Amino acid sequence: MQSVLLVDDDCDSLSALKFVFEVHNYHVVVAEHGGAALTEVKKHLPDLVVTDMEMPEVGGIELC
């Protein structure tokens, strides 16, 4: 199963994206900011990362 890491500080956006990817049989991991995403990447190397660009702590550009 393919995995995706979704990173966004807006929980409504995270929920909508999570639903879309799960419908298409992805294993979904979510993070609410870039710092949390870096922790998740160390635990589960995803096949795809979808990130918001402007977030607290670590933004999307710094995350990439």
N, C-alpha and C. Protein backbone atom coordinates (compact mmCIF):
# COMPACT_ATOMS: atom_id res chain seq x y z
N MET A 1 0.84 -1.17 0.00
CA MET A 1 0.00 0.00 0.00
C MET A 1 0.89 1.24 0.00
N GLN A 2 0.56 2.18 -0.84
CA GLN A 2 1.30 3.45 -0.90
C GLN A 2 0.95 4.30 0.32
N SER A 3 1.91 5.10 0.78
CA SER A 3 1.67 5.95 1.93
C SER A 3 1.86 7.42 1.57
N VAL A 4 1.10 8.26 2.27
CA VAL A 4 1.19 9.70 2.05
C VAL A 4 1.23 10.38 3.41
N LEU A 5 2.07 11.40 3.50
CA LEU A 5 2.13 12.25 4.69
C LEU A 5 1.48 13.57 4.33
N LEU A 6 0.43 13.93 5.07
CA LEU A 6 -0.27 15.19 4.86
C LEU A 6 0.12 16.15 5.96
N VAL A 7 0.54 17.36 5.59
CA VAL A 7 1.03 18.32 6.56
C VAL A 7 0.28 19.63 6.37
N ASP A 8 -0.48 20.03 7.38
CA ASP A 8 -1.24 21.28 7.30
C ASP A 8 -1.67 21.67 8.70
N ASP A 9 -1.66 22.96 8.99
CA ASP A 9 -2.09 23.44 10.30
C ASP A 9 -3.60 23.69 10.34
N ASP A 10 -4.29 23.49 9.23
CA ASP A 10 -5.74 23.64 9.16
C ASP A 10 -6.37 22.25 9.22
N CYS A 11 -7.04 21.94 10.35
CA CYS A 11 -7.56 20.58 10.53
C CYS A 11 -8.67 20.25 9.53
N ASP A 12 -9.41 21.23 9.03
CA ASP A 12 -10.42 20.94 8.01
C ASP A 12 -9.76 20.48 6.71
N SER A 13 -8.68 21.13 6.33
CA SER A 13 -7.95 20.73 5.12
C SER A 13 -7.37 19.33 5.30
N LEU A 14 -6.80 19.08 6.47
CA LEU A 14 -6.25 17.75 6.74
C LEU A 14 -7.32 16.67 6.64
N SER A 15 -8.47 16.93 7.21
CA SER A 15 -9.56 15.95 7.18
C SER A 15 -10.02 15.67 5.75
N ALA A 16 -10.18 16.73 4.96
CA ALA A 16 -10.63 16.56 3.58
C ALA A 16 -9.61 15.78 2.75
N LEU A 17 -8.34 16.16 2.87
CA LEU A 17 -7.29 15.46 2.13
C LEU A 17 -7.17 14.01 2.58
N LYS A 18 -7.26 13.79 3.89
CA LYS A 18 -7.17 12.42 4.42
C LYS A 18 -8.27 11.56 3.83
N PHE A 19 -9.48 12.08 3.77
CA PHE A 19 -10.60 11.34 3.21
C PHE A 19 -10.33 10.96 1.75
N VAL A 20 -9.87 11.93 0.96
CA VAL A 20 -9.62 11.68 -0.46
C VAL A 20 -8.57 10.59 -0.66
N PHE A 21 -7.46 10.67 0.07
CA PHE A 21 -6.41 9.68 -0.09
C PHE A 21 -6.83 8.30 0.43
N GLU A 22 -7.58 8.26 1.53
CA GLU A 22 -8.03 6.97 2.04
C GLU A 22 -9.01 6.29 1.09
N VAL A 23 -9.85 7.07 0.44
CA VAL A 23 -10.79 6.51 -0.55
C VAL A 23 -10.02 5.82 -1.67
N HIS A 24 -8.82 6.34 -1.96
CA HIS A 24 -7.99 5.77 -3.02
C HIS A 24 -6.95 4.79 -2.47
N ASN A 25 -7.23 4.27 -1.28
CA ASN A 25 -6.44 3.19 -0.66
C ASN A 25 -5.00 3.55 -0.31
N TYR A 26 -4.76 4.78 0.08
CA TYR A 26 -3.45 5.17 0.59
C TYR A 26 -3.44 4.99 2.11
N HIS A 27 -2.27 4.65 2.63
CA HIS A 27 -2.06 4.70 4.08
C HIS A 27 -1.72 6.16 4.36
N VAL A 28 -2.50 6.81 5.23
CA VAL A 28 -2.36 8.25 5.46
C VAL A 28 -1.81 8.52 6.86
N VAL A 29 -0.77 9.36 6.90
CA VAL A 29 -0.22 9.87 8.16
C VAL A 29 -0.38 11.38 8.10
N VAL A 30 -0.81 12.00 9.21
CA VAL A 30 -1.02 13.45 9.21
C VAL A 30 -0.10 14.10 10.24
N ALA A 31 0.24 15.35 9.95
CA ALA A 31 1.01 16.18 10.87
C ALA A 31 0.48 17.60 10.78
N GLU A 32 0.43 18.29 11.92
CA GLU A 32 -0.16 19.62 11.96
C GLU A 32 0.84 20.75 11.75
N HIS A 33 2.11 20.43 11.63
CA HIS A 33 3.13 21.43 11.30
C HIS A 33 4.40 20.70 10.85
N GLY A 34 5.32 21.45 10.29
CA GLY A 34 6.53 20.85 9.73
C GLY A 34 7.38 20.10 10.74
N GLY A 35 7.44 20.60 11.97
CA GLY A 35 8.21 19.90 13.00
C GLY A 35 7.66 18.51 13.27
N ALA A 36 6.35 18.41 13.36
CA ALA A 36 5.71 17.11 13.55
C ALA A 36 5.91 16.22 12.33
N ALA A 37 5.91 16.84 11.15
CA ALA A 37 6.13 16.07 9.92
C ALA A 37 7.52 15.45 9.90
N LEU A 38 8.52 16.19 10.34
CA LEU A 38 9.88 15.65 10.38
C LEU A 38 9.96 14.44 11.31
N THR A 39 9.24 14.50 12.42
CA THR A 39 9.18 13.35 13.33
C THR A 39 8.53 12.15 12.65
N GLU A 40 7.43 12.39 11.94
CA GLU A 40 6.72 11.31 11.25
C GLU A 40 7.57 10.69 10.14
N VAL A 41 8.33 11.52 9.43
CA VAL A 41 9.18 11.01 8.35
C VAL A 41 10.23 10.06 8.90
N LYS A 42 10.72 10.35 10.10
CA LYS A 42 11.71 9.47 10.72
C LYS A 42 11.10 8.12 11.09
N LYS A 43 9.79 8.11 11.42
CA LYS A 43 9.11 6.88 11.80
C LYS A 43 8.62 6.10 10.58
N HIS A 44 8.07 6.80 9.61
CA HIS A 44 7.44 6.18 8.43
C HIS A 44 7.84 6.97 7.20
N LEU A 45 8.73 6.47 6.41
CA LEU A 45 9.13 7.17 5.19
C LEU A 45 7.99 7.07 4.17
N PRO A 46 7.30 8.18 3.90
CA PRO A 46 6.15 8.12 3.00
C PRO A 46 6.57 8.09 1.53
N ASP A 47 5.66 7.63 0.68
CA ASP A 47 5.88 7.66 -0.76
C ASP A 47 5.61 9.06 -1.32
N LEU A 48 4.79 9.83 -0.62
CA LEU A 48 4.39 11.16 -1.08
C LEU A 48 4.18 12.05 0.13
N VAL A 49 4.58 13.32 0.01
CA VAL A 49 4.30 14.32 1.04
C VAL A 49 3.52 15.45 0.39
N VAL A 50 2.37 15.79 1.00
CA VAL A 50 1.57 16.93 0.56
C VAL A 50 1.60 17.91 1.72
N THR A 51 2.15 19.12 1.47
CA THR A 51 2.34 20.05 2.57
C THR A 51 1.81 21.44 2.26
N ASP A 52 1.32 22.08 3.30
CA ASP A 52 0.97 23.50 3.27
C ASP A 52 2.30 24.26 3.27
N MET A 53 2.32 25.42 2.69
CA MET A 53 3.57 26.18 2.65
C MET A 53 3.75 27.07 3.88
N GLU A 54 2.65 27.63 4.41
CA GLU A 54 2.75 28.55 5.54
C GLU A 54 2.17 27.90 6.79
N MET A 55 3.06 27.52 7.70
CA MET A 55 2.66 26.88 8.95
C MET A 55 3.55 27.38 10.08
N PRO A 56 3.07 27.25 11.32
CA PRO A 56 3.92 27.64 12.47
C PRO A 56 5.09 26.66 12.62
N GLU A 57 6.09 27.10 13.31
CA GLU A 57 7.30 26.32 13.62
C GLU A 57 8.14 26.08 12.37
N VAL A 58 7.79 25.10 11.56
CA VAL A 58 8.54 24.77 10.34
C VAL A 58 7.55 24.83 9.19
N GLY A 59 7.79 25.72 8.23
CA GLY A 59 6.91 25.85 7.07
C GLY A 59 7.21 24.82 6.01
N GLY A 60 6.42 24.83 4.97
CA GLY A 60 6.54 23.84 3.90
C GLY A 60 7.87 23.89 3.18
N ILE A 61 8.40 25.09 2.93
CA ILE A 61 9.69 25.19 2.23
C ILE A 61 10.81 24.64 3.10
N GLU A 62 10.81 24.97 4.38
CA GLU A 62 11.84 24.43 5.28
C GLU A 62 11.70 22.91 5.39
N LEU A 63 10.48 22.43 5.41
CA LEU A 63 10.24 20.99 5.49
C LEU A 63 10.83 20.28 4.28
N CYS A 64 10.60 20.83 3.11
CA CYS A 64 11.14 20.20 1.90
C CYS A 64 12.65 20.23 1.90
